[in-house]
Amino acid sequence: MTYSRRQFGKLALTSLPLATAALSNPKILFAAGKPNSKFNGVQIGVITPYSYHNMPNDAKSLLEYMVADGINATEIHSEPIEEWAGAPKAPQMQRPAGGLGGPGRPPAQPNAARAPRVITPEQKAHAESVNAWRLSTPPAKFEEFRKWYADAGVSIYGFKLGLTNEMSDELYDWTFNVTKVLGANQLTMEMPDGDSALTARIGKFAAKHKMMVGYHAHLQAKPDTWDEAMSQSPYNGINIDMGHYTAAGNTDQVAFLKKNYARITSMHLKDRKSPAHGEANMPWGEGDTPIKELLQTMKKEGYKFEATIELEYPVPADSTSGKEVVKCLNYCKAALA
């Protein structure tokens, strides 16, 4: 029996065996039609695993969610990929890199500015073991992962792994090489506030590998936040989060997009209130982030960077993160019609 993509999506949400069977047999997916979240020239993706809060966040589950939801592109954190590849597991209760409060869970205080991280001895030891594992794992290993996702119709455009001062040059090269093998066009990471030496070093390696780096900012985001990093290297760019940008008190979202489009690697979408209204994350259409106008600008101007759904508002008790991601996707589709 051949299913339409819509039928497959509905069945996959209620039937894990069907989704599992389809993902183990790409021909089923080909017959059903691959997922497609590119609307009128604008590629809509989703950041994973972050957007699927409180759901299993292994690589296989994430792929099932995206196929069922009709999403064909993702910016993905390193954790599910490296877990799939056999990386050492994190100690219990460790907060993973990239700002997650835990696998698939939002930060404990999503509306607050990012507090400095305190690294415990256990976390330091784990990071060292992971880095040793990375250097022993050839980047070519990740070609299998890329093909697995691609066969199901999902491309990886962003790979999120934070580079630090403590990492060796060999680890920098490894990270950029893995990003390329995964088929991504950008490496993304948190903006290293006040560390111009680090962004300069990253920019040199980005130029060496001819790979853009998108720096993601939270409530420290201002119109000039990325200026110094961009001046250091043509490969240092902006992973702009327009929800955080709005909650930081900025009102020039569309103007920022038009001014910096050539250096924007991708744009995160969430709806947040302005400081005057409390900064809260809201269901889309209820906050102060001009999501529709931003997407319409991308469509009108023909910008080619991706727009990324980042589900961060509280999930209603009668819903799931997966259902809310679909609502956000439909919001984007309507805005781009």
Protein backbone atom coordinates (compact mmCIF):
# COMPACT_ATOMS: atom_id res chain seq x y z
CA MET A 1 0.00 0.00 0.00
CA THR A 2 1.31 3.44 -0.91
CA TYR A 3 0.69 6.32 1.51
CA SER A 4 0.55 10.00 0.68
CA ARG A 5 2.96 12.17 2.68
CA ARG A 6 0.05 13.57 4.69
CA GLN A 7 -1.26 10.08 5.48
CA PHE A 8 2.23 8.95 6.41
CA GLY A 9 2.68 11.91 8.74
CA LYS A 10 -0.58 11.19 10.57
CA LEU A 11 0.14 7.49 10.86
CA ALA A 12 3.74 8.04 11.95
CA LEU A 13 2.63 10.19 14.84
CA THR A 14 0.49 7.36 16.20
CA SER A 15 2.39 4.35 14.91
CA LEU A 16 6.06 4.07 15.76
CA PRO A 17 6.31 0.69 13.96
CA LEU A 18 5.28 2.31 10.67
CA ALA A 19 7.80 5.13 11.05
CA THR A 20 10.49 2.63 12.00
CA ALA A 21 9.71 0.44 9.02
CA ALA A 22 9.76 3.38 6.65
CA LEU A 23 13.08 4.66 7.92
CA SER A 24 14.65 1.22 7.59
CA ASN A 25 13.32 0.95 4.04
CA PRO A 26 13.83 4.23 2.14
CA LYS A 27 11.75 2.93 -0.79
CA ILE A 28 8.63 3.37 1.37
CA LEU A 29 9.56 7.00 1.89
CA PHE A 30 10.25 7.49 -1.79
CA ALA A 31 6.82 6.10 -2.63
CA ALA A 32 5.16 8.34 -0.06
CA GLY A 33 7.05 11.43 -1.19
CA LYS A 34 9.92 12.93 0.75
CA PRO A 35 9.28 15.70 3.28
CA ASN A 36 9.41 19.21 1.90
CA SER A 37 9.53 22.37 4.01
CA LYS A 38 10.80 24.76 1.35
CA PHE A 39 8.09 27.27 0.54
CA ASN A 40 8.36 29.76 -2.33
CA GLY A 41 12.14 29.59 -2.27
CA VAL A 42 12.57 29.86 1.51
CA GLN A 43 13.99 26.81 3.26
CA ILE A 44 12.38 26.19 6.65
CA GLY A 45 14.26 23.87 8.97
CA VAL A 46 14.23 22.95 12.64
CA ILE A 47 16.96 22.89 15.27
CA THR A 48 17.32 19.45 16.78
CA PRO A 49 17.19 17.98 19.32
CA TYR A 50 16.28 21.22 21.08
CA SER A 51 12.86 21.74 19.51
CA TYR A 52 11.57 18.31 20.46
CA HIS A 53 11.44 18.88 24.22
CA ASN A 54 10.74 15.94 26.51
CA MET A 55 10.74 13.42 23.67
CA PRO A 56 13.33 10.73 22.90
CA ASN A 57 16.22 12.56 21.29
CA ASP A 58 18.37 9.86 19.72
CA ALA A 59 19.24 10.38 16.06
CA LYS A 60 16.72 7.82 14.82
CA SER A 61 13.82 9.36 16.75
CA LEU A 62 14.72 12.85 15.53
CA LEU A 63 14.67 11.67 11.93
CA GLU A 64 11.28 10.04 12.46
CA TYR A 65 9.87 13.28 13.87
CA MET A 66 11.09 15.39 10.97
CA VAL A 67 9.85 13.00 8.30
CA ALA A 68 6.46 12.74 10.00
CA ASP A 69 6.26 16.54 10.37
CA GLY A 70 7.20 17.16 6.73
CA ILE A 71 10.48 18.92 7.54
CA ASN A 72 13.37 18.27 5.16
CA ALA A 73 16.25 20.24 6.72
CA THR A 74 17.86 20.66 10.12
CA GLU A 75 20.50 22.41 12.18
CA ILE A 76 21.58 19.66 14.54
CA HIS A 77 23.57 19.65 17.76
CA SER A 78 26.59 17.38 17.97
CA GLU A 79 25.21 15.19 20.78
CA PRO A 80 22.81 12.90 18.87
CA ILE A 81 25.27 12.46 16.00
CA GLU A 82 28.21 11.68 18.24
CA GLU A 83 26.09 9.37 20.40
CA TRP A 84 25.14 7.48 17.21
CA ALA A 85 28.83 7.26 16.29
CA GLY A 86 29.82 5.81 19.68
CA ALA A 87 31.05 8.79 21.70
CA PRO A 88 31.47 8.39 25.48
CA LYS A 89 28.19 9.01 27.25
CA ALA A 90 27.82 12.08 29.44
CA PRO A 91 27.61 11.69 33.23
CA GLN A 92 24.12 11.79 34.71
CA MET A 93 22.63 15.27 35.07
CA GLN A 94 25.32 16.91 32.96
CA ARG A 95 24.14 19.90 31.01
CA PRO A 96 25.14 19.33 27.38
CA ALA A 97 26.99 21.94 25.34
CA GLY A 98 24.86 24.37 23.41
CA GLY A 99 22.57 25.50 26.24
CA LEU A 100 20.19 22.57 26.70
CA GLY A 101 18.81 21.94 30.15
CA GLY A 102 19.07 18.23 29.35
CA PRO A 103 18.47 15.99 26.34
CA GLY A 104 15.38 17.35 24.65
CA ARG A 105 14.54 19.79 27.44
CA PRO A 106 14.59 23.61 27.28
CA PRO A 107 16.78 25.69 29.59
CA ALA A 108 15.60 25.97 33.17
CA GLN A 109 15.19 29.74 32.70
CA PRO A 110 14.44 30.24 29.00
CA ASN A 111 13.61 33.93 29.40
CA ALA A 112 16.75 34.87 31.28
CA ALA A 113 20.15 35.90 29.97
CA ARG A 114 22.58 33.02 29.73
CA ALA A 115 24.40 32.57 33.03
CA PRO A 116 28.11 31.68 32.96
CA ARG A 117 28.61 27.94 32.99
CA VAL A 118 30.44 26.34 35.88
CA ILE A 119 32.39 23.29 34.71
CA THR A 120 32.55 20.49 37.26
CA PRO A 121 35.48 18.06 37.44
CA GLU A 122 33.20 15.33 36.06
CA GLN A 123 32.22 17.51 33.10
CA LYS A 124 35.84 18.39 32.42
CA ALA A 125 36.85 14.72 32.46
CA HIS A 126 33.97 13.86 30.14
CA ALA A 127 34.91 16.64 27.71
CA GLU A 128 38.47 15.35 27.62
CA SER A 129 37.30 11.81 26.89
CA VAL A 130 35.00 13.03 24.13
CA ASN A 131 37.80 15.06 22.54
CA ALA A 132 40.07 12.01 22.62
CA TRP A 133 37.30 9.97 21.01
CA ARG A 134 36.86 12.60 18.32
CA LEU A 135 40.50 12.50 17.32
CA SER A 136 40.32 8.71 17.09
CA THR A 137 37.18 8.80 14.90
CA PRO A 138 37.79 9.73 11.25
CA PRO A 139 35.41 12.35 9.85
CA ALA A 140 34.57 9.91 7.03
CA LYS A 141 32.59 7.93 9.62
CA PHE A 142 29.90 10.60 9.48
CA GLU A 143 29.25 10.10 5.77
CA GLU A 144 27.07 7.16 6.77
CA PHE A 145 25.01 9.46 8.99
CA ARG A 146 24.59 12.05 6.24
CA LYS A 147 23.44 9.39 3.78
CA TRP A 148 21.00 7.90 6.29
CA TYR A 149 19.29 11.26 6.77
CA ALA A 150 19.49 12.16 3.08
CA ASP A 151 17.89 8.88 2.01
CA ALA A 152 14.90 9.78 4.19
CA GLY A 153 14.77 13.24 2.62
CA VAL A 154 16.38 15.31 5.39
CA SER A 155 19.47 17.43 4.76
CA ILE A 156 21.77 18.84 7.43
CA TYR A 157 22.59 22.50 6.85
CA GLY A 158 24.03 23.36 10.27
CA PHE A 159 26.22 21.42 12.71
CA LYS A 160 26.39 22.88 16.22
CA LEU A 161 29.54 22.23 18.21
CA GLY A 162 31.26 24.90 20.27
CA LEU A 163 34.97 25.45 19.70
CA THR A 164 36.95 26.56 22.75
CA ASN A 165 40.39 27.95 23.56
CA GLU A 166 41.33 24.64 25.17
CA MET A 167 40.77 22.61 22.00
CA SER A 168 43.78 21.71 19.89
CA ASP A 169 44.26 22.72 16.27
CA GLU A 170 43.67 19.09 15.37
CA LEU A 171 40.24 19.24 17.00
CA TYR A 172 39.41 22.42 15.11
CA ASP A 173 40.28 20.71 11.83
CA TRP A 174 38.29 17.63 12.86
CA THR A 175 35.21 19.73 13.61
CA PHE A 176 35.27 21.55 10.28
CA ASN A 177 35.89 18.31 8.40
CA VAL A 178 32.95 16.60 10.10
CA THR A 179 30.75 19.59 9.27
CA LYS A 180 31.66 19.21 5.61
CA VAL A 181 31.14 15.44 5.60
CA LEU A 182 27.66 15.91 7.08
CA GLY A 183 26.83 18.12 4.09
CA ALA A 184 26.33 21.23 6.22
CA ASN A 185 27.08 24.70 4.91
CA GLN A 186 27.75 26.16 8.36
CA LEU A 187 29.19 25.38 11.77
CA THR A 188 27.15 27.04 14.51
CA MET A 189 28.03 27.86 18.11
CA GLU A 190 27.31 30.28 20.91
CA MET A 191 28.87 33.71 20.67
CA PRO A 192 31.99 33.71 22.90
CA ASP A 193 31.31 37.03 24.63
CA GLY A 194 34.33 39.24 25.15
CA ASP A 195 36.78 36.75 23.67
CA SER A 196 37.95 38.33 20.44
CA ALA A 197 41.04 36.11 20.38
CA LEU A 198 38.81 33.04 20.18
CA THR A 199 36.65 34.36 17.33
CA ALA A 200 39.82 35.39 15.50
CA ARG A 201 41.24 31.87 15.85
CA ILE A 202 37.97 30.28 14.77
CA GLY A 203 37.79 32.66 11.82
CA LYS A 204 41.23 31.57 10.61
CA PHE A 205 40.24 27.91 10.63
CA ALA A 206 36.93 28.75 8.97
CA ALA A 207 38.82 30.49 6.18
CA LYS A 208 41.19 27.53 5.88
CA HIS A 209 38.22 25.20 5.40
CA LYS A 210 36.11 27.74 3.49
CA MET A 211 33.24 27.09 5.88
CA MET A 212 31.00 29.74 7.42
CA VAL A 213 30.66 29.93 11.20
CA GLY A 214 27.39 31.28 12.56
CA TYR A 215 27.59 32.76 16.07
CA HIS A 216 24.35 32.54 18.05
CA ALA A 217 23.53 35.26 20.59
CA HIS A 218 20.91 35.48 23.33
CA LEU A 219 19.89 38.58 25.25
CA GLN A 220 23.28 40.17 24.66
CA ALA A 221 22.30 40.59 21.00
CA LYS A 222 22.57 44.14 19.69
CA PRO A 223 22.95 45.42 16.13
CA ASP A 224 26.75 45.52 16.50
CA THR A 225 27.25 42.28 18.48
CA TRP A 226 28.84 40.47 15.53
CA ASP A 227 30.82 43.37 14.05
CA GLU A 228 34.20 42.54 15.58
CA ALA A 229 34.03 38.84 14.74
CA MET A 230 33.00 39.61 11.15
CA SER A 231 35.88 42.06 10.79
CA GLN A 232 38.32 39.29 11.75
CA SER A 233 37.35 36.87 9.01
CA PRO A 234 34.98 36.80 6.02
CA TYR A 235 33.92 33.35 7.28
CA ASN A 236 32.73 34.61 10.68
CA GLY A 237 28.98 35.14 10.37
CA ILE A 238 25.67 35.52 12.16
CA ASN A 239 23.35 32.79 13.38
CA ILE A 240 20.68 35.34 14.23
CA ASP A 241 17.92 34.42 16.68
CA MET A 242 15.18 36.95 16.05
CA GLY A 243 13.27 35.94 19.18
CA HIS A 244 16.21 36.70 21.44
CA TYR A 245 17.00 39.78 19.38
CA THR A 246 13.47 41.06 20.04
CA ALA A 247 13.59 40.23 23.76
CA ALA A 248 16.90 42.11 23.97
CA GLY A 249 15.04 45.32 23.13
CA ASN A 250 15.85 45.71 19.45
CA THR A 251 13.21 46.97 17.03
CA ASP A 252 15.14 46.88 13.74
CA GLN A 253 14.67 43.18 12.91
CA VAL A 254 13.84 43.59 9.21
CA ALA A 255 16.44 46.33 8.76
CA PHE A 256 19.06 44.10 10.44
CA LEU A 257 18.17 41.30 8.03
CA LYS A 258 18.54 43.55 4.99
CA LYS A 259 21.81 45.05 6.20
CA ASN A 260 23.50 41.77 7.14
CA TYR A 261 21.94 39.18 4.84
CA ALA A 262 25.26 38.38 3.16
CA ARG A 263 26.79 37.33 6.49
CA ILE A 264 23.75 35.62 8.00
CA THR A 265 24.28 31.86 7.97
CA SER A 266 20.77 31.04 9.20
CA MET A 267 17.95 32.68 11.15
CA HIS A 268 16.33 31.15 14.24
CA LEU A 269 12.64 31.83 14.60
CA LYS A 270 10.73 32.05 17.86
CA ASP A 271 8.15 34.56 19.10
CA ARG A 272 9.22 36.51 22.18
CA LYS A 273 7.84 39.57 23.87
CA SER A 274 9.83 42.78 24.00
CA PRO A 275 11.34 43.91 27.35
CA ALA A 276 8.38 46.26 27.84
CA HIS A 277 6.05 43.27 27.60
CA GLY A 278 8.08 40.87 29.75
CA GLU A 279 10.38 39.04 27.28
CA ALA A 280 8.39 35.78 27.48
CA ASN A 281 8.42 33.09 24.82
CA MET A 282 4.96 32.88 23.26
CA PRO A 283 3.05 30.72 20.78
CA TRP A 284 3.77 32.14 17.35
CA GLY A 285 1.68 35.17 16.52
CA GLU A 286 1.27 36.20 20.17
CA GLY A 287 4.67 37.78 20.76
CA ASP A 288 6.49 40.82 19.40
CA THR A 289 8.85 39.12 16.94
CA PRO A 290 7.84 40.07 13.37
CA ILE A 291 8.10 36.50 12.08
CA LYS A 292 5.79 37.01 9.10
CA GLU A 293 7.56 40.17 7.97
CA LEU A 294 10.96 38.50 8.27
CA LEU A 295 9.90 35.50 6.20
CA GLN A 296 8.22 37.71 3.62
CA THR A 297 11.43 39.74 3.36
CA MET A 298 13.41 36.53 2.74
CA LYS A 299 10.95 35.55 0.02
CA LYS A 300 10.88 38.98 -1.64
CA GLU A 301 14.65 39.50 -1.55
CA GLY A 302 15.52 35.93 -2.48
CA TYR A 303 17.74 35.30 0.55
CA LYS A 304 19.13 31.77 0.49
CA PHE A 305 20.02 31.20 4.13
CA GLU A 306 17.75 28.88 6.12
CA ALA A 307 15.03 29.91 8.57
CA THR A 308 15.08 27.60 11.59
CA ILE A 309 12.13 26.74 13.82
CA GLU A 310 13.24 26.78 17.45
CA LEU A 311 10.41 25.68 19.70
CA GLU A 312 10.87 27.40 23.04
CA TYR A 313 7.46 28.46 24.30
CA PRO A 314 5.80 26.24 26.97
CA VAL A 315 4.05 23.25 25.39
CA PRO A 316 0.35 23.12 26.36
CA ALA A 317 -0.66 20.23 28.62
CA ASP A 318 -2.82 18.69 25.89
CA SER A 319 -0.13 18.86 23.23
CA THR A 320 3.41 17.69 22.49
CA SER A 321 6.53 19.38 21.19
CA GLY A 322 6.08 17.53 17.91
CA LYS A 323 2.57 18.93 17.43
CA GLU A 324 3.76 22.44 18.30
CA VAL A 325 6.62 22.21 15.78
CA VAL A 326 4.01 21.41 13.11
CA LYS A 327 2.03 24.50 14.17
CA CYS A 328 5.17 26.61 13.74
CA LEU A 329 5.82 25.04 10.34
CA ASN A 330 2.27 25.82 9.20
CA TYR A 331 2.73 29.40 10.43
CA CYS A 332 5.79 29.70 8.20
CA LYS A 333 4.00 28.18 5.23
CA ALA A 334 1.09 30.60 5.57
CA ALA A 335 3.47 33.56 5.89
CA LEU A 336 5.24 32.54 2.67
CA ALA A 337 2.11 31.76 0.63
